[in-house]
Amino acid sequence: MKQEPSFFENREPVLIYIARKLRDALRLEEILNSAGVDYGVETDQYRGGVIFRTVRVGAFFYVPAEHAEVAREVLLRNSFTPSEDPPA
């Protein structure tokens, strides 16, 4: 279920996906809700493009660290490619 930011106050949020299109964000919300995965979503900027780099806005999906593996499996089963773990 979609959670408010206060849900993550004492938890480490893990980025699992960046939706670059509204259609993808809405579909992913349906999938995560159906799977019973608690998640947070916020808009943020990312850089896109190869030759002409631009700043774009996307929907960033987060889950508590303890649920990251399950959330990634749900994404893969539904043809979404999870975000890579950030470098240490």
C-alpha atoms as a PDB file:
ATOM      1  CA  MET A   1       0.000   0.000   0.000  1.00  0.00           C
ATOM      2  CA  LYS A   2       1.125   3.537  -0.687  1.00  0.00           C
ATOM      3  CA  GLN A   3       2.493   5.106   2.492  1.00  0.00           C
ATOM      4  CA  GLU A   4       3.018   8.649   3.668  1.00  0.00           C
ATOM      5  CA  PRO A   5       6.577   9.963   4.277  1.00  0.00           C
ATOM      6  CA  SER A   6       6.105   9.497   8.048  1.00  0.00           C
ATOM      7  CA  PHE A   7       6.048   5.711   7.432  1.00  0.00           C
ATOM      8  CA  PHE A   8       9.764   5.902   6.587  1.00  0.00           C
ATOM      9  CA  GLU A   9      10.844   8.066   9.557  1.00  0.00           C
ATOM     10  CA  ASN A  10      12.646   5.274  11.428  1.00  0.00           C
ATOM     11  CA  ARG A  11      13.301   3.068   8.420  1.00  0.00           C
ATOM     12  CA  GLU A  12      15.882   3.100   5.677  1.00  0.00           C
ATOM     13  CA  PRO A  13      14.096   3.653   2.335  1.00  0.00           C
ATOM     14  CA  VAL A  14      15.518   1.859  -0.691  1.00  0.00           C
ATOM     15  CA  LEU A  15      14.948   3.089  -4.236  1.00  0.00           C
ATOM     16  CA  ILE A  16      13.471   0.272  -6.320  1.00  0.00           C
ATOM     17  CA  TYR A  17      12.292   2.034  -9.469  1.00  0.00           C
ATOM     18  CA  ILE A  18      12.174   5.370 -11.299  1.00  0.00           C
ATOM     19  CA  ALA A  19       9.066   5.725 -13.474  1.00  0.00           C
ATOM     20  CA  ARG A  20       9.801   8.059 -16.346  1.00  0.00           C
ATOM     21  CA  LYS A  21       6.212   8.031 -17.629  1.00  0.00           C
ATOM     22  CA  LEU A  22       2.970   8.607 -15.738  1.00  0.00           C
ATOM     23  CA  ARG A  23       1.469   5.484 -17.306  1.00  0.00           C
ATOM     24  CA  ASP A  24       4.294   3.350 -15.848  1.00  0.00           C
ATOM     25  CA  ALA A  25       3.959   4.956 -12.411  1.00  0.00           C
ATOM     26  CA  LEU A  26       0.219   4.290 -12.263  1.00  0.00           C
ATOM     27  CA  ARG A  27       0.660   0.697 -13.427  1.00  0.00           C
ATOM     28  CA  LEU A  28       3.397   0.082 -10.856  1.00  0.00           C
ATOM     29  CA  GLU A  29       1.217   1.488  -8.070  1.00  0.00           C
ATOM     30  CA  GLU A  30      -1.520  -1.004  -9.022  1.00  0.00           C
ATOM     31  CA  ILE A  31       0.975  -3.872  -9.060  1.00  0.00           C
ATOM     32  CA  LEU A  32       2.531  -2.997  -5.692  1.00  0.00           C
ATOM     33  CA  ASN A  33      -0.908  -2.519  -4.099  1.00  0.00           C
ATOM     34  CA  SER A  34      -2.111  -5.882  -5.453  1.00  0.00           C
ATOM     35  CA  ALA A  35       1.025  -7.571  -4.090  1.00  0.00           C
ATOM     36  CA  GLY A  36       0.549  -5.978  -0.651  1.00  0.00           C
ATOM     37  CA  VAL A  37       3.909  -4.177  -0.782  1.00  0.00           C
ATOM     38  CA  ASP A  38       4.271  -1.034   1.359  1.00  0.00           C
ATOM     39  CA  TYR A  39       5.932   1.695  -0.684  1.00  0.00           C
ATOM     40  CA  GLY A  40       6.437   5.423  -0.928  1.00  0.00           C
ATOM     41  CA  VAL A  41       6.560   7.477  -4.095  1.00  0.00           C
ATOM     42  CA  GLU A  42       7.804  10.998  -4.710  1.00  0.00           C
ATOM     43  CA  THR A  43       8.719  13.091  -7.707  1.00  0.00           C
ATOM     44  CA  ASP A  44      12.332  14.023  -8.200  1.00  0.00           C
ATOM     45  CA  GLN A  45      14.723  14.973 -10.966  1.00  0.00           C
ATOM     46  CA  TYR A  46      17.001  12.668 -12.926  1.00  0.00           C
ATOM     47  CA  ARG A  47      19.318  13.186 -15.883  1.00  0.00           C
ATOM     48  CA  GLY A  48      18.371  11.627 -19.208  1.00  0.00           C
ATOM     49  CA  GLY A  49      19.596  11.567 -22.761  1.00  0.00           C
ATOM     50  CA  VAL A  50      22.837  10.446 -24.365  1.00  0.00           C
ATOM     51  CA  ILE A  51      23.939  13.239 -26.639  1.00  0.00           C
ATOM     52  CA  PHE A  52      21.712  16.012 -25.318  1.00  0.00           C
ATOM     53  CA  ARG A  53      21.631  15.534 -21.543  1.00  0.00           C
ATOM     54  CA  THR A  54      18.561  17.048 -19.907  1.00  0.00           C
ATOM     55  CA  VAL A  55      17.062  17.141 -16.447  1.00  0.00           C
ATOM     56  CA  ARG A  56      13.705  15.381 -16.295  1.00  0.00           C
ATOM     57  CA  VAL A  57      11.147  14.608 -13.591  1.00  0.00           C
ATOM     58  CA  GLY A  58      10.115  11.076 -12.657  1.00  0.00           C
ATOM     59  CA  ALA A  59       8.276   9.157  -9.953  1.00  0.00           C
ATOM     60  CA  PHE A  60      10.768   7.558  -7.557  1.00  0.00           C
ATOM     61  CA  PHE A  61       9.457   4.438  -5.772  1.00  0.00           C
ATOM     62  CA  TYR A  62      10.878   3.483  -2.368  1.00  0.00           C
ATOM     63  CA  VAL A  63      10.318   0.560  -0.016  1.00  0.00           C
ATOM     64  CA  PRO A  64      11.680  -0.178   3.467  1.00  0.00           C
ATOM     65  CA  ALA A  65      15.071  -1.899   3.226  1.00  0.00           C
ATOM     66  CA  GLU A  66      13.707  -5.096   4.753  1.00  0.00           C
ATOM     67  CA  HIS A  67      11.156  -5.396   1.894  1.00  0.00           C
ATOM     68  CA  ALA A  68      13.455  -4.460  -0.998  1.00  0.00           C
ATOM     69  CA  GLU A  69      14.130  -8.001  -2.221  1.00  0.00           C
ATOM     70  CA  VAL A  70      10.442  -8.940  -2.298  1.00  0.00           C
ATOM     71  CA  ALA A  71       9.575  -5.676  -4.073  1.00  0.00           C
ATOM     72  CA  ARG A  72      12.262  -6.290  -6.702  1.00  0.00           C
ATOM     73  CA  GLU A  73      10.867  -9.778  -7.348  1.00  0.00           C
ATOM     74  CA  VAL A  74       7.389  -8.289  -7.835  1.00  0.00           C
ATOM     75  CA  LEU A  75       8.835  -5.797 -10.320  1.00  0.00           C
ATOM     76  CA  LEU A  76      10.618  -8.511 -12.303  1.00  0.00           C
ATOM     77  CA  ARG A  77       7.506 -10.720 -12.448  1.00  0.00           C
ATOM     78  CA  ASN A  78       5.649  -7.776 -13.975  1.00  0.00           C
ATOM     79  CA  SER A  79       8.260  -6.825 -16.611  1.00  0.00           C
ATOM     80  CA  PHE A  80       9.763  -3.861 -14.722  1.00  0.00           C
ATOM     81  CA  THR A  81      13.541  -3.593 -14.344  1.00  0.00           C
ATOM     82  CA  PRO A  82      14.376  -2.632 -10.743  1.00  0.00           C
ATOM     83  CA  SER A  83      16.824   0.173 -10.055  1.00  0.00           C
ATOM     84  CA  GLU A  84      20.312  -0.992  -9.230  1.00  0.00           C
ATOM     85  CA  ASP A  85      21.555  -0.765  -5.668  1.00  0.00           C
ATOM     86  CA  PRO A  86      23.401   2.531  -5.222  1.00  0.00           C
ATOM     87  CA  PRO A  87      27.203   2.229  -5.100  1.00  0.00           C
ATOM     88  CA  ALA A  88      28.659   1.851  -1.621  1.00  0.00           C
END
